Amino acid sequence: MSEYLIEEIIVGNALKVTAVDPETGLEAVIQAPLTGSRLEARQLAVRKLLYLIEKKKK
């Protein structure tokens, strides 16, 4: 699947990004500095989610 749910929450001086695969229910959570790029934080969360999906298949 190529669509994921993305949630962004500001926690203090950090951005918490959660990526969820609606098919499997797997979640990947990362924290990034607020001064960083939100797009890169989202991409990192999705890459982590893809890693977890692949790891679960093995």
Protein backbone atom coordinates (compact mmCIF):
# COMPACT_ATOMS: atom_id res chain seq x y z
CA MET A 1 0.00 0.00 0.00
CA SER A 2 1.30 3.47 -0.77
CA GLU A 3 -0.95 5.56 1.49
CA TYR A 4 -0.24 6.17 5.15
CA LEU A 5 -1.81 8.25 7.88
CA ILE A 6 0.47 10.96 9.26
CA GLU A 7 -0.04 12.78 12.56
CA GLU A 8 2.10 15.70 13.74
CA ILE A 9 2.08 16.96 17.33
CA ILE A 10 4.25 19.67 18.83
CA VAL A 11 5.69 18.56 22.16
CA GLY A 12 7.76 21.29 23.78
CA ASN A 13 10.57 22.11 21.34
CA ALA A 14 10.09 18.93 19.32
CA LEU A 15 7.80 17.71 16.58
CA LYS A 16 6.41 14.21 17.13
CA VAL A 17 5.43 12.53 13.86
CA THR A 18 3.47 9.27 13.75
CA ALA A 19 3.00 7.29 10.53
CA VAL A 20 0.34 4.56 10.51
CA ASP A 21 -0.32 1.85 7.94
CA PRO A 22 -4.13 1.49 7.82
CA GLU A 23 -3.90 -2.09 6.50
CA THR A 24 -1.71 -3.53 9.25
CA GLY A 25 -2.22 -0.99 12.03
CA LEU A 26 1.54 -0.69 12.47
CA GLU A 27 2.83 2.65 13.77
CA ALA A 28 6.20 4.35 13.51
CA VAL A 29 6.96 7.35 15.71
CA ILE A 30 9.86 9.79 15.41
CA GLN A 31 10.75 13.05 17.10
CA ALA A 32 12.48 15.89 15.30
CA PRO A 33 13.45 19.45 16.26
CA LEU A 34 10.89 22.12 15.45
CA THR A 35 13.57 24.00 13.52
CA GLY A 36 13.90 21.12 11.05
CA SER A 37 11.93 20.41 7.91
CA ARG A 38 8.45 18.97 8.49
CA LEU A 39 8.59 17.25 5.12
CA GLU A 40 11.82 15.45 6.05
CA ALA A 41 10.32 14.44 9.41
CA ARG A 42 7.27 12.95 7.62
CA GLN A 43 9.50 11.14 5.13
CA LEU A 44 11.61 9.71 7.95
CA ALA A 45 8.51 8.45 9.77
CA VAL A 46 7.25 6.75 6.58
CA ARG A 47 10.66 5.16 5.92
CA LYS A 48 10.68 3.83 9.48
CA LEU A 49 7.17 2.47 8.98
CA LEU A 50 8.21 0.72 5.75
CA TYR A 51 11.15 -0.81 7.61
CA LEU A 52 8.81 -2.12 10.33
CA ILE A 53 6.43 -3.56 7.73
CA GLU A 54 9.31 -5.40 6.01
CA LYS A 55 10.65 -6.61 9.34
CA LYS A 56 7.24 -8.02 10.27
CA LYS A 57 7.05 -9.97 6.97
CA LYS A 58 10.24 -11.91 7.80
